[in-house]
PDB file of all heavy atoms in Angstrom:
ATOM      1  N   GLU A   1     -85.923 -49.430-136.950  1.00  0.00           N
ATOM      2  CA  GLU A   1     -84.489 -49.727-136.902  1.00  0.00           C
ATOM      3  C   GLU A   1     -83.673 -48.474-136.609  1.00  0.00           C
ATOM      4  O   GLU A   1     -82.717 -48.501-135.827  1.00  0.00           O
ATOM      5  CB  GLU A   1     -84.036 -50.365-138.226  1.00  0.00           C
ATOM      6  CG  GLU A   1     -84.536 -51.790-138.413  1.00  0.00           C
ATOM      7  CD  GLU A   1     -84.003 -52.424-139.683  1.00  0.00           C
ATOM      8  OE1 GLU A   1     -83.197 -51.761-140.391  1.00  0.00           O
ATOM      9  OE2 GLU A   1     -84.398 -53.570-139.971  1.00  0.00           O
ATOM     10  N   GLN A   2     -84.045 -47.347-137.259  1.00  0.00           N
ATOM     11  CA  GLN A   2     -83.337 -46.092-137.031  1.00  0.00           C
ATOM     12  C   GLN A   2     -83.532 -45.612-135.599  1.00  0.00           C
ATOM     13  O   GLN A   2     -82.597 -45.133-134.952  1.00  0.00           O
ATOM     14  CB  GLN A   2     -83.826 -45.013-138.010  1.00  0.00           C
ATOM     15  CG  GLN A   2     -83.079 -43.681-137.889  1.00  0.00           C
ATOM     16  CD  GLN A   2     -81.617 -43.804-138.240  1.00  0.00           C
ATOM     17  OE1 GLN A   2     -81.270 -44.117-139.366  1.00  0.00           O
ATOM     18  NE2 GLN A   2     -80.741 -43.573-137.260  1.00  0.00           N
ATOM     19  N   ILE A   3     -84.748 -45.762-135.077  1.00  0.00           N
ATOM     20  CA  ILE A   3     -85.035 -45.361-133.697  1.00  0.00           C
ATOM     21  C   ILE A   3     -84.196 -46.180-132.720  1.00  0.00           C
ATOM     22  O   ILE A   3     -83.586 -45.641-131.786  1.00  0.00           O
ATOM     23  CB  ILE A   3     -86.539 -45.502-133.383  1.00  0.00           C
ATOM     24  CG1 ILE A   3     -87.337 -44.449-134.164  1.00  0.00           C
ATOM     25  CG2 ILE A   3     -86.806 -45.367-131.884  1.00  0.00           C
ATOM     26  CD1 ILE A   3     -88.841 -44.621-134.095  1.00  0.00           C
ATOM     27  N   ASP A   4     -84.133 -47.501-132.938  1.00  0.00           N
ATOM     28  CA  ASP A   4     -83.334 -48.361-132.054  1.00  0.00           C
ATOM     29  C   ASP A   4     -81.855 -47.995-132.124  1.00  0.00           C
ATOM     30  O   ASP A   4     -81.145 -47.992-131.097  1.00  0.00           O
ATOM     31  CB  ASP A   4     -83.515 -49.841-132.443  1.00  0.00           C
ATOM     32  CG  ASP A   4     -84.891 -50.378-132.069  1.00  0.00           C
ATOM     33  OD1 ASP A   4     -85.596 -49.713-131.269  1.00  0.00           O
ATOM     34  OD2 ASP A   4     -85.265 -51.447-132.597  1.00  0.00           O
ATOM     35  N   GLU A   5     -81.382 -47.671-133.326  1.00  0.00           N
ATOM     36  CA  GLU A   5     -79.981 -47.266-133.498  1.00  0.00           C
ATOM     37  C   GLU A   5     -79.711 -45.948-132.760  1.00  0.00           C
ATOM     38  O   GLU A   5     -78.678 -45.787-132.102  1.00  0.00           O
ATOM     39  CB  GLU A   5     -79.684 -47.111-134.995  1.00  0.00           C
ATOM     40  CG  GLU A   5     -78.211 -46.975-135.322  1.00  0.00           C
ATOM     41  CD  GLU A   5     -77.952 -46.924-136.827  1.00  0.00           C
ATOM     42  OE1 GLU A   5     -78.738 -47.538-137.593  1.00  0.00           O
ATOM     43  OE2 GLU A   5     -76.980 -46.262-137.218  1.00  0.00           O
ATOM     44  N   ASN A   6     -80.663 -45.021-132.857  1.00  0.00           N
ATOM     45  CA  ASN A   6     -80.511 -43.741-132.165  1.00  0.00           C
ATOM     46  C   ASN A   6     -80.502 -43.923-130.649  1.00  0.00           C
ATOM     47  O   ASN A   6     -79.708 -43.289-129.946  1.00  0.00           O
ATOM     48  CB  ASN A   6     -81.640 -42.783-132.564  1.00  0.00           C
ATOM     49  CG  ASN A   6     -81.507 -42.271-133.994  1.00  0.00           C
ATOM     50  OD1 ASN A   6     -80.492 -42.492-134.646  1.00  0.00           O
ATOM     51  ND2 ASN A   6     -82.527 -41.604-134.469  1.00  0.00           N
ATOM     52  N   ILE A   7     -81.384 -44.791-130.145  1.00  0.00           N
ATOM     53  CA  ILE A   7     -81.436 -45.046-128.697  1.00  0.00           C
ATOM     54  C   ILE A   7     -80.113 -45.618-128.215  1.00  0.00           C
ATOM     55  O   ILE A   7     -79.592 -45.217-127.165  1.00  0.00           O
ATOM     56  CB  ILE A   7     -82.607 -45.984-128.354  1.00  0.00           C
ATOM     57  CG1 ILE A   7     -83.947 -45.231-128.495  1.00  0.00           C
ATOM     58  CG2 ILE A   7     -82.467 -46.551-126.946  1.00  0.00           C
ATOM     59  CD1 ILE A   7     -85.182 -46.092-128.308  1.00  0.00           C
ATOM     60  N   ALA A   8     -79.534 -46.528-128.983  1.00  0.00           N
ATOM     61  CA  ALA A   8     -78.241 -47.116-128.601  1.00  0.00           C
ATOM     62  C   ALA A   8     -77.164 -46.036-128.492  1.00  0.00           C
ATOM     63  O   ALA A   8     -76.327 -46.064-127.581  1.00  0.00           O
ATOM     64  CB  ALA A   8     -77.831 -48.179-129.623  1.00  0.00           C
ATOM     65  N   GLY A   9     -77.208 -45.060-129.397  1.00  0.00           N
ATOM     66  CA  GLY A   9     -76.240 -43.965-129.344  1.00  0.00           C
ATOM     67  C   GLY A   9     -76.479 -43.040-128.173  1.00  0.00           C
ATOM     68  O   GLY A   9     -75.542 -42.631-127.475  1.00  0.00           O
ATOM     69  N   ILE A  10     -77.740 -42.733-127.912  1.00  0.00           N
ATOM     70  CA  ILE A  10     -78.083 -41.807-126.828  1.00  0.00           C
ATOM     71  C   ILE A  10     -77.740 -42.382-125.460  1.00  0.00           C
ATOM     72  O   ILE A  10     -77.291 -41.668-124.560  1.00  0.00           O
ATOM     73  CB  ILE A  10     -79.586 -41.443-126.904  1.00  0.00           C
ATOM     74  CG1 ILE A  10     -79.859 -40.557-128.124  1.00  0.00           C
ATOM     75  CG2 ILE A  10     -80.049 -40.738-125.639  1.00  0.00           C
ATOM     76  CD1 ILE A  10     -81.330 -40.336-128.413  1.00  0.00           C
ATOM     77  N   LYS A  11     -77.934 -43.690-125.301  1.00  0.00           N
ATOM     78  CA  LYS A  11     -77.671 -44.323-124.000  1.00  0.00           C
ATOM     79  C   LYS A  11     -76.230 -44.129-123.538  1.00  0.00           C
ATOM     80  O   LYS A  11     -75.950 -44.111-122.335  1.00  0.00           O
ATOM     81  CB  LYS A  11     -77.995 -45.820-124.076  1.00  0.00           C
ATOM     82  CG  LYS A  11     -79.484 -46.136-123.999  1.00  0.00           C
ATOM     83  CD  LYS A  11     -79.720 -47.644-124.037  1.00  0.00           C
ATOM     84  CE  LYS A  11     -81.182 -47.982-123.848  1.00  0.00           C
ATOM     85  NZ  LYS A  11     -81.417 -49.450-123.898  1.00  0.00           N
ATOM     86  N   LYS A  12     -75.298 -43.985-124.495  1.00  0.00           N
ATOM     87  CA  LYS A  12     -73.885 -43.821-124.139  1.00  0.00           C
ATOM     88  C   LYS A  12     -73.657 -42.571-123.285  1.00  0.00           C
ATOM     89  O   LYS A  12     -72.742 -42.523-122.468  1.00  0.00           O
ATOM     90  CB  LYS A  12     -73.027 -43.714-125.410  1.00  0.00           C
ATOM     91  CG  LYS A  12     -73.029 -44.940-126.292  1.00  0.00           C
ATOM     92  CD  LYS A  12     -72.247 -44.658-127.571  1.00  0.00           C
ATOM     93  CE  LYS A  12     -72.363 -45.780-128.583  1.00  0.00           C
ATOM     94  NZ  LYS A  12     -71.690 -45.437-129.868  1.00  0.00           N
ATOM     95  N   VAL A  13     -74.484 -41.565-123.506  1.00  0.00           N
ATOM     96  CA  VAL A  13     -74.303 -40.284-122.819  1.00  0.00           C
ATOM     97  C   VAL A  13     -74.543 -40.420-121.320  1.00  0.00           C
ATOM     98  O   VAL A  13     -73.787 -39.901-120.501  1.00  0.00           O
ATOM     99  CB  VAL A  13     -75.257 -39.217-123.409  1.00  0.00           C
ATOM    100  CG1 VAL A  13     -75.243 -37.949-122.561  1.00  0.00           C
ATOM    101  CG2 VAL A  13     -74.898 -38.913-124.855  1.00  0.00           C
ATOM    102  N   PHE A  14     -75.598 -41.131-120.958  1.00  0.00           N
ATOM    103  CA  PHE A  14     -76.105 -41.043-119.590  1.00  0.00           C
ATOM    104  C   PHE A  14     -75.194 -41.660-118.546  1.00  0.00           C
ATOM    105  O   PHE A  14     -75.134 -41.185-117.402  1.00  0.00           O
ATOM    106  CB  PHE A  14     -77.502 -41.679-119.508  1.00  0.00           C
ATOM    107  CG  PHE A  14     -78.552 -40.889-120.218  1.00  0.00           C
ATOM    108  CD1 PHE A  14     -79.023 -41.298-121.457  1.00  0.00           C
ATOM    109  CD2 PHE A  14     -79.050 -39.724-119.671  1.00  0.00           C
ATOM    110  CE1 PHE A  14     -79.978 -40.559-122.124  1.00  0.00           C
ATOM    111  CE2 PHE A  14     -80.008 -38.975-120.327  1.00  0.00           C
ATOM    112  CZ  PHE A  14     -80.471 -39.398-121.563  1.00  0.00           C
ATOM    113  N   SER A  15     -74.471 -42.709-118.911  1.00  0.00           N
ATOM    114  CA  SER A  15     -73.648 -43.395-117.906  1.00  0.00           C
ATOM    115  C   SER A  15     -72.544 -42.497-117.359  1.00  0.00           C
ATOM    116  O   SER A  15     -72.008 -42.751-116.271  1.00  0.00           O
ATOM    117  CB  SER A  15     -73.055 -44.681-118.495  1.00  0.00           C
ATOM    118  OG  SER A  15     -72.276 -44.388-119.632  1.00  0.00           O
ATOM    119  N   ALA A  16     -72.185 -41.446-118.091  1.00  0.00           N
ATOM    120  CA  ALA A  16     -71.170 -40.509-117.603  1.00  0.00           C
ATOM    121  C   ALA A  16     -71.723 -39.611-116.496  1.00  0.00           C
ATOM    122  O   ALA A  16     -70.965 -39.075-115.681  1.00  0.00           O
ATOM    123  CB  ALA A  16     -70.645 -39.646-118.756  1.00  0.00           C
ATOM    124  N   TYR A  17     -73.042 -39.450-116.450  1.00  0.00           N
ATOM    125  CA  TYR A  17     -73.658 -38.505-115.528  1.00  0.00           C
ATOM    126  C   TYR A  17     -74.462 -39.167-114.409  1.00  0.00           C
ATOM    127  O   TYR A  17     -74.630 -38.583-113.349  1.00  0.00           O
ATOM    128  CB  TYR A  17     -74.603 -37.568-116.307  1.00  0.00           C
ATOM    129  CG  TYR A  17     -73.900 -36.637-117.254  1.00  0.00           C
ATOM    130  CD1 TYR A  17     -73.649 -37.011-118.569  1.00  0.00           C
ATOM    131  CD2 TYR A  17     -73.485 -35.378-116.840  1.00  0.00           C
ATOM    132  CE1 TYR A  17     -72.998 -36.154-119.443  1.00  0.00           C
ATOM    133  CE2 TYR A  17     -72.838 -34.516-117.701  1.00  0.00           C
ATOM    134  CZ  TYR A  17     -72.591 -34.915-119.002  1.00  0.00           C
ATOM    135  OH  TYR A  17     -71.951 -34.064-119.871  1.00  0.00           O
ATOM    136  N   ILE A  18     -74.996 -40.354-114.689  1.00  0.00           N
ATOM    137  CA  ILE A  18     -75.970 -40.968-113.778  1.00  0.00           C
ATOM    138  C   ILE A  18     -75.537 -42.398-113.484  1.00  0.00           C
ATOM    139  O   ILE A  18     -75.047 -43.105-114.369  1.00  0.00           O
ATOM    140  CB  ILE A  18     -77.380 -40.948-114.429  1.00  0.00           C
ATOM    141  CG1 ILE A  18     -77.798 -39.500-114.720  1.00  0.00           C
ATOM    142  CG2 ILE A  18     -78.413 -41.604-113.518  1.00  0.00           C
ATOM    143  CD1 ILE A  18     -78.954 -39.386-115.676  1.00  0.00           C
ATOM    144  N   ASP A  19     -75.731 -42.834-112.234  1.00  0.00           N
ATOM    145  CA  ASP A  19     -75.275 -44.158-111.807  1.00  0.00           C
ATOM    146  C   ASP A  19     -76.422 -45.171-111.910  1.00  0.00           C
ATOM    147  O   ASP A  19     -77.385 -45.113-111.151  1.00  0.00           O
ATOM    148  CB  ASP A  19     -74.764 -44.068-110.365  1.00  0.00           C
ATOM    149  CG  ASP A  19     -74.072 -45.351-109.910  1.00  0.00           C
ATOM    150  OD1 ASP A  19     -74.104 -46.343-110.670  1.00  0.00           O
ATOM    151  OD2 ASP A  19     -73.494 -45.347-108.803  1.00  0.00           O
ATOM    152  N   TYR A  20     -76.273 -46.097-112.863  1.00  0.00           N
ATOM    153  CA  TYR A  20     -77.265 -47.156-113.051  1.00  0.00           C
ATOM    154  C   TYR A  20     -76.836 -48.457-112.363  1.00  0.00           C
ATOM    155  O   TYR A  20     -77.585 -49.429-112.367  1.00  0.00           O
ATOM    156  CB  TYR A  20     -77.470 -47.442-114.545  1.00  0.00           C
ATOM    157  CG  TYR A  20     -78.008 -46.277-115.319  1.00  0.00           C
ATOM    158  CD1 TYR A  20     -77.151 -45.364-115.923  1.00  0.00           C
ATOM    159  CD2 TYR A  20     -79.380 -46.066-115.442  1.00  0.00           C
ATOM    160  CE1 TYR A  20     -77.642 -44.273-116.621  1.00  0.00           C
ATOM    161  CE2 TYR A  20     -79.888 -44.982-116.140  1.00  0.00           C
ATOM    162  CZ  TYR A  20     -79.008 -44.093-116.732  1.00  0.00           C
ATOM    163  OH  TYR A  20     -79.497 -43.004-117.423  1.00  0.00           O
ATOM    164  N   ASP A  21     -75.640 -48.475-111.781  1.00  0.00           N
ATOM    165  CA  ASP A  21     -75.065 -49.721-111.267  1.00  0.00           C
ATOM    166  C   ASP A  21     -74.999 -49.790-109.750  1.00  0.00           C
ATOM    167  O   ASP A  21     -74.664 -50.828-109.194  1.00  0.00           O
ATOM    168  CB  ASP A  21     -73.645 -49.910-111.828  1.00  0.00           C
ATOM    169  CG  ASP A  21     -73.651 -49.995-113.352  1.00  0.00           C
ATOM    170  OD1 ASP A  21     -74.558 -50.654-113.898  1.00  0.00           O
ATOM    171  OD2 ASP A  21     -72.767 -49.392-113.985  1.00  0.00           O
ATOM    172  N   THR A  22     -75.280 -48.691-109.072  1.00  0.00           N
ATOM    173  CA  THR A  22     -75.187 -48.682-107.617  1.00  0.00           C
ATOM    174  C   THR A  22     -76.153 -49.686-106.989  1.00  0.00           C
ATOM    175  O   THR A  22     -77.207 -49.991-107.551  1.00  0.00           O
ATOM    176  CB  THR A  22     -75.481 -47.273-107.061  1.00  0.00           C
ATOM    177  OG1 THR A  22     -75.415 -47.305-105.632  1.00  0.00           O
ATOM    178  CG2 THR A  22     -76.863 -46.785-107.462  1.00  0.00           C
ATOM    179  N   GLU A  23     -75.792 -50.182-105.839  1.00  0.00           N
ATOM    180  CA  GLU A  23     -76.673 -51.071-105.087  1.00  0.00           C
ATOM    181  C   GLU A  23     -77.607 -50.277-104.173  1.00  0.00           C
ATOM    182  O   GLU A  23     -78.445 -50.848-103.478  1.00  0.00           O
ATOM    183  CB  GLU A  23     -75.838 -52.047-104.240  1.00  0.00           C
ATOM    184  CG  GLU A  23     -74.992 -53.017-105.064  1.00  0.00           C
ATOM    185  CD  GLU A  23     -75.831 -53.875-105.995  1.00  0.00           C
ATOM    186  OE1 GLU A  23     -76.884 -54.391-105.554  1.00  0.00           O
ATOM    187  OE2 GLU A  23     -75.440 -54.029-107.167  1.00  0.00           O
ATOM    188  N   ALA A  24     -77.452 -48.972-104.183  1.00  0.00           N
ATOM    189  CA  ALA A  24     -78.259 -48.118-103.303  1.00  0.00           C
ATOM    190  C   ALA A  24     -79.713 -48.062-103.771  1.00  0.00           C
ATOM    191  O   ALA A  24     -80.051 -48.430-104.910  1.00  0.00           O
ATOM    192  CB  ALA A  24     -77.674 -46.711-103.263  1.00  0.00           C
ATOM    193  N   GLU A  25     -80.557 -47.574-102.874  1.00  0.00           N
ATOM    194  CA  GLU A  25     -81.992 -47.472-103.157  1.00  0.00           C
ATOM    195  C   GLU A  25     -82.269 -46.562-104.346  1.00  0.00           C
ATOM    196  O   GLU A  25     -83.250 -46.755-105.066  1.00  0.00           O
ATOM    197  CB  GLU A  25     -82.698 -46.928-101.901  1.00  0.00           C
ATOM    198  CG  GLU A  25     -84.207 -46.817-102.022  1.00  0.00           C
ATOM    199  CD  GLU A  25     -84.843 -46.164-100.804  1.00  0.00           C
ATOM    200  OE1 GLU A  25     -84.106 -45.610 -99.954  1.00  0.00           O
ATOM    201  OE2 GLU A  25     -86.083 -46.192-100.701  1.00  0.00           O
ATOM    202  N   ASN A  26     -81.400 -45.579-104.561  1.00  0.00           N
ATOM    203  CA  ASN A  26     -81.654 -44.605-105.631  1.00  0.00           C
ATOM    204  C   ASN A  26     -80.921 -44.950-106.934  1.00  0.00           C
ATOM    205  O   ASN A  26     -80.527 -44.062-107.686  1.00  0.00           O
ATOM    206  CB  ASN A  26     -81.311 -43.187-105.168  1.00  0.00           C
ATOM    207  CG  ASN A  26     -79.831 -42.989-104.891  1.00  0.00           C
ATOM    208  OD1 ASN A  26     -79.116 -43.939-104.603  1.00  0.00           O
ATOM    209  ND2 ASN A  26     -79.368 -41.745-104.977  1.00  0.00           N
ATOM    210  N   LYS A  27     -80.740 -46.237-107.198  1.00  0.00           N
ATOM    211  CA  LYS A  27     -80.175 -46.690-108.477  1.00  0.00           C
ATOM    212  C   LYS A  27     -81.029 -46.172-109.629  1.00  0.00           C
ATOM    213  O   LYS A  27     -82.249 -46.327-109.649  1.00  0.00           O
ATOM    214  CB  LYS A  27     -80.145 -48.221-108.501  1.00  0.00           C
ATOM    215  CG  LYS A  27     -79.709 -48.823-109.822  1.00  0.00           C
ATOM    216  CD  LYS A  27     -79.741 -50.350-109.760  1.00  0.00           C
ATOM    217  CE  LYS A  27     -79.331 -50.973-111.077  1.00  0.00           C
ATOM    218  NZ  LYS A  27     -79.326 -52.459-110.999  1.00  0.00           N
ATOM    219  N   ALA A  28     -80.386 -45.556-110.623  1.00  0.00           N
ATOM    220  CA  ALA A  28     -81.115 -45.003-111.763  1.00  0.00           C
ATOM    221  C   ALA A  28     -81.701 -46.105-112.638  1.00  0.00           C
ATOM    222  O   ALA A  28     -81.156 -47.214-112.710  1.00  0.00           O
ATOM    223  CB  ALA A  28     -80.192 -44.120-112.599  1.00  0.00           C
ATOM    224  N   LEU A  29     -82.808 -45.792-113.292  1.00  0.00           N
ATOM    225  CA  LEU A  29     -83.448 -46.724-114.219  1.00  0.00           C
ATOM    226  C   LEU A  29     -83.392 -46.161-115.638  1.00  0.00           C
ATOM    227  O   LEU A  29     -83.578 -44.963-115.845  1.00  0.00           O
ATOM    228  CB  LEU A  29     -84.915 -46.944-113.835  1.00  0.00           C
ATOM    229  CG  LEU A  29     -85.209 -47.562-112.467  1.00  0.00           C
ATOM    230  CD1 LEU A  29     -86.725 -47.632-112.242  1.00  0.00           C
ATOM    231  CD2 LEU A  29     -84.584 -48.948-112.355  1.00  0.00           C
ATOM    232  N   MET A  30     -83.133 -47.030-116.596  1.00  0.00           N
ATOM    233  CA  MET A  30     -83.198 -46.690-118.017  1.00  0.00           C
ATOM    234  C   MET A  30     -84.367 -47.473-118.617  1.00  0.00           C
ATOM    235  O   MET A  30     -84.339 -48.701-118.656  1.00  0.00           O
ATOM    236  CB  MET A  30     -81.896 -47.062-118.720  1.00  0.00           C
ATOM    237  CG  MET A  30     -81.909 -46.882-120.227  1.00  0.00           C
ATOM    238  SD  MET A  30     -81.693 -45.181-120.768  1.00  0.00           S
ATOM    239  CE  MET A  30     -79.960 -44.897-120.362  1.00  0.00           C
ATOM    240  N   LEU A  31     -85.409 -46.756-119.060  1.00  0.00           N
ATOM    241  CA  LEU A  31     -86.613 -47.406-119.575  1.00  0.00           C
ATOM    242  C   LEU A  31     -86.912 -46.920-120.988  1.00  0.00           C
ATOM    243  O   LEU A  31     -86.352 -45.926-121.455  1.00  0.00           O
ATOM    244  CB  LEU A  31     -87.802 -47.105-118.653  1.00  0.00           C
ATOM    245  CG  LEU A  31     -87.642 -47.481-117.168  1.00  0.00           C
ATOM    246  CD1 LEU A  31     -88.829 -46.970-116.367  1.00  0.00           C
ATOM    247  CD2 LEU A  31     -87.488 -48.990-117.002  1.00  0.00           C
ATOM    248  N   ASN A  32     -87.817 -47.631-121.665  1.00  0.00           N
ATOM    249  CA  ASN A  32     -88.202 -47.297-123.033  1.00  0.00           C
ATOM    250  C   ASN A  32     -89.726 -47.340-123.112  1.00  0.00           C
ATOM    251  O   ASN A  32     -90.340 -48.367-122.808  1.00  0.00           O
ATOM    252  CB  ASN A  32     -87.584 -48.310-124.003  1.00  0.00           C
ATOM    253  CG  ASN A  32     -87.802 -47.946-125.463  1.00  0.00           C
ATOM    254  OD1 ASN A  32     -88.759 -47.245-125.818  1.00  0.00           O
ATOM    255  ND2 ASN A  32     -86.925 -48.427-126.329  1.00  0.00           N
ATOM    256  N   ASN A  33     -90.353 -46.229-123.523  1.00  0.00           N
ATOM    257  CA  ASN A  33     -91.823 -46.217-123.511  1.00  0.00           C
ATOM    258  C   ASN A  33     -92.453 -47.087-124.596  1.00  0.00           C
ATOM    259  O   ASN A  33     -93.671 -47.296-124.600  1.00  0.00           O
ATOM    260  CB  ASN A  33     -92.380 -44.785-123.555  1.00  0.00           C
ATOM    261  CG  ASN A  33     -92.020 -44.012-124.807  1.00  0.00           C
ATOM    262  OD1 ASN A  33     -91.607 -44.575-125.820  1.00  0.00           O
ATOM    263  ND2 ASN A  33     -92.189 -42.697-124.738  1.00  0.00           N
ATOM    264  N   ALA A  34     -91.630 -47.628-125.501  1.00  0.00           N
ATOM    265  CA  ALA A  34     -92.162 -48.606-126.453  1.00  0.00           C
ATOM    266  C   ALA A  34     -92.701 -49.834-125.716  1.00  0.00           C
ATOM    267  O   ALA A  34     -93.580 -50.540-126.223  1.00  0.00           O
ATOM    268  CB  ALA A  34     -91.078 -49.021-127.452  1.00  0.00           C
ATOM    269  N   GLU A  35     -92.188 -50.055-124.509  1.00  0.00           N
ATOM    270  CA  GLU A  35     -92.602 -51.210-123.703  1.00  0.00           C
ATOM    271  C   GLU A  35     -94.105 -51.213-123.458  1.00  0.00           C
ATOM    272  O   GLU A  35     -94.735 -52.269-123.444  1.00  0.00           O
ATOM    273  CB  GLU A  35     -91.846 -51.179-122.364  1.00  0.00           C
ATOM    274  CG  GLU A  35     -92.134 -52.335-121.444  1.00  0.00           C
ATOM    275  CD  GLU A  35     -91.402 -52.218-120.117  1.00  0.00           C
ATOM    276  OE1 GLU A  35     -90.377 -51.502-120.063  1.00  0.00           O
ATOM    277  OE2 GLU A  35     -91.864 -52.826-119.136  1.00  0.00           O
ATOM    278  N   TRP A  36     -94.700 -50.036-123.269  1.00  0.00           N
ATOM    279  CA  TRP A  36     -96.147 -49.996-123.050  1.00  0.00           C
ATOM    280  C   TRP A  36     -96.930 -49.325-124.181  1.00  0.00           C
ATOM    281  O   TRP A  36     -98.116 -49.506-124.304  1.00  0.00           O
ATOM    282  CB  TRP A  36     -96.492 -49.316-121.718  1.00  0.00           C
ATOM    283  CG  TRP A  36     -95.855 -47.972-121.504  1.00  0.00           C
ATOM    284  CD1 TRP A  36     -96.279 -46.762-121.970  1.00  0.00           C
ATOM    285  CD2 TRP A  36     -94.676 -47.715-120.749  1.00  0.00           C
ATOM    286  NE1 TRP A  36     -95.435 -45.764-121.565  1.00  0.00           N
ATOM    287  CE2 TRP A  36     -94.443 -46.320-120.796  1.00  0.00           C
ATOM    288  CE3 TRP A  36     -93.796 -48.515-120.025  1.00  0.00           C
ATOM    289  CZ2 TRP A  36     -93.360 -45.708-120.161  1.00  0.00           C
ATOM    290  CZ3 TRP A  36     -92.718 -47.907-119.391  1.00  0.00           C
ATOM    291  CH2 TRP A  36     -92.509 -46.531-119.465  1.00  0.00           C
ATOM    292  N   LEU A  37     -96.248 -48.575-125.053  1.00  0.00           N
ATOM    293  CA  LEU A  37     -96.963 -47.898-126.130  1.00  0.00           C
ATOM    294  C   LEU A  37     -97.142 -48.775-127.366  1.00  0.00           C
ATOM    295  O   LEU A  37     -98.162 -48.685-128.060  1.00  0.00           O
ATOM    296  CB  LEU A  37     -96.251 -46.599-126.531  1.00  0.00           C
ATOM    297  CG  LEU A  37     -96.209 -45.484-125.486  1.00  0.00           C
ATOM    298  CD1 LEU A  37     -95.485 -44.262-126.045  1.00  0.00           C
ATOM    299  CD2 LEU A  37     -97.613 -45.099-125.028  1.00  0.00           C
ATOM    300  N   ASP A  38     -96.148 -49.627-127.658  1.00  0.00           N
ATOM    301  CA  ASP A  38     -96.186 -50.398-128.912  1.00  0.00           C
ATOM    302  C   ASP A  38     -97.368 -51.354-128.995  1.00  0.00           C
ATOM    303  O   ASP A  38     -97.865 -51.640-130.090  1.00  0.00           O
ATOM    304  CB  ASP A  38     -94.886 -51.195-129.087  1.00  0.00           C
ATOM    305  CG  ASP A  38     -93.774 -50.366-129.721  1.00  0.00           C
ATOM    306  OD1 ASP A  38     -94.001 -49.157-129.952  1.00  0.00           O
ATOM    307  OD2 ASP A  38     -92.677 -50.916-129.973  1.00  0.00           O
ATOM    308  N   ASP A  39     -97.821 -51.855-127.878  1.00  0.00           N
ATOM    309  CA  ASP A  39     -98.865 -52.888-127.900  1.00  0.00           C
ATOM    310  C   ASP A  39    -100.238 -52.380-127.487  1.00  0.00           C
ATOM    311  O   ASP A  39    -101.136 -53.169-127.172  1.00  0.00           O
ATOM    312  CB  ASP A  39     -98.456 -54.060-126.996  1.00  0.00           C
ATOM    313  CG  ASP A  39     -97.201 -54.766-127.494  1.00  0.00           C
ATOM    314  OD1 ASP A  39     -97.027 -54.836-128.730  1.00  0.00           O
ATOM    315  OD2 ASP A  39     -96.398 -55.210-126.660  1.00  0.00           O
ATOM    316  N   LEU A  40    -100.414 -51.053-127.480  1.00  0.00           N
ATOM    317  CA  LEU A  40    -101.720 -50.504-127.119  1.00  0.00           C
ATOM    318  C   LEU A  40    -102.784 -50.893-128.141  1.00  0.00           C
ATOM    319  O   LEU A  40    -102.529 -50.870-129.350  1.00  0.00           O
ATOM    320  CB  LEU A  40    -101.654 -48.978-127.034  1.00  0.00           C
ATOM    321  CG  LEU A  40    -100.957 -48.366-125.815  1.00  0.00           C
ATOM    322  CD1 LEU A  40    -100.894 -46.848-125.975  1.00  0.00           C
ATOM    323  CD2 LEU A  40    -101.680 -48.739-124.529  1.00  0.00           C
ATOM    324  N   ASN A  41    -103.961 -51.231-127.658  1.00  0.00           N
ATOM    325  CA  ASN A  41    -105.121 -51.436-128.531  1.00  0.00           C
ATOM    326  C   ASN A  41    -105.795 -50.086-128.721  1.00  0.00           C
ATOM    327  O   ASN A  41    -106.187 -49.432-127.762  1.00  0.00           O
ATOM    328  CB  ASN A  41    -106.079 -52.437-127.881  1.00  0.00           C
ATOM    329  CG  ASN A  41    -107.321 -52.677-128.726  1.00  0.00           C
ATOM    330  OD1 ASN A  41    -108.154 -51.784-128.869  1.00  0.00           O
ATOM    331  ND2 ASN A  41    -107.437 -53.866-129.274  1.00  0.00           N
ATOM    332  N   TYR A  42    -105.923 -49.668-129.979  1.00  0.00           N
ATOM    333  CA  TYR A  42    -106.359 -48.302-130.262  1.00  0.00           C
ATOM    334  C   TYR A  42    -107.742 -47.996-129.678  1.00  0.00           C
ATOM    335  O   TYR A  42    -107.936 -46.964-129.015  1.00  0.00           O
ATOM    336  CB  TYR A  42    -106.365 -48.068-131.778  1.00  0.00           C
ATOM    337  CG  TYR A  42    -106.652 -46.635-132.175  1.00  0.00           C
ATOM    338  CD1 TYR A  42    -105.849 -45.598-131.722  1.00  0.00           C
ATOM    339  CD2 TYR A  42    -107.724 -46.329-133.002  1.00  0.00           C
ATOM    340  CE1 TYR A  42    -106.098 -44.283-132.095  1.00  0.00           C
ATOM    341  CE2 TYR A  42    -107.998 -45.021-133.371  1.00  0.00           C
ATOM    342  CZ  TYR A  42    -107.176 -44.000-132.910  1.00  0.00           C
ATOM    343  OH  TYR A  42    -107.431 -42.699-133.269  1.00  0.00           O
ATOM    344  N   LEU A  43    -108.693 -48.888-129.878  1.00  0.00           N
ATOM    345  CA  LEU A  43    -110.051 -48.627-129.385  1.00  0.00           C
ATOM    346  C   LEU A  43    -110.094 -48.599-127.863  1.00  0.00           C
ATOM    347  O   LEU A  43    -110.743 -47.723-127.258  1.00  0.00           O
ATOM    348  CB  LEU A  43    -111.025 -49.675-129.927  1.00  0.00           C
ATOM    349  CG  LEU A  43    -111.358 -49.555-131.415  1.00  0.00           C
ATOM    350  CD1 LEU A  43    -112.292 -50.693-131.843  1.00  0.00           C
ATOM    351  CD2 LEU A  43    -112.018 -48.211-131.722  1.00  0.00           C
TER     352      LEU A  43
END
């Protein structure tokens, strides 16, 4: 919960510097490595 809260706060910073909304080919991406790390099988 604390990590998710921190991520929500950190995300506010980036939109001032980087364009995530452009229709251009170089539209920025915002990703979270929990997407592939959280469900890893240890063995």
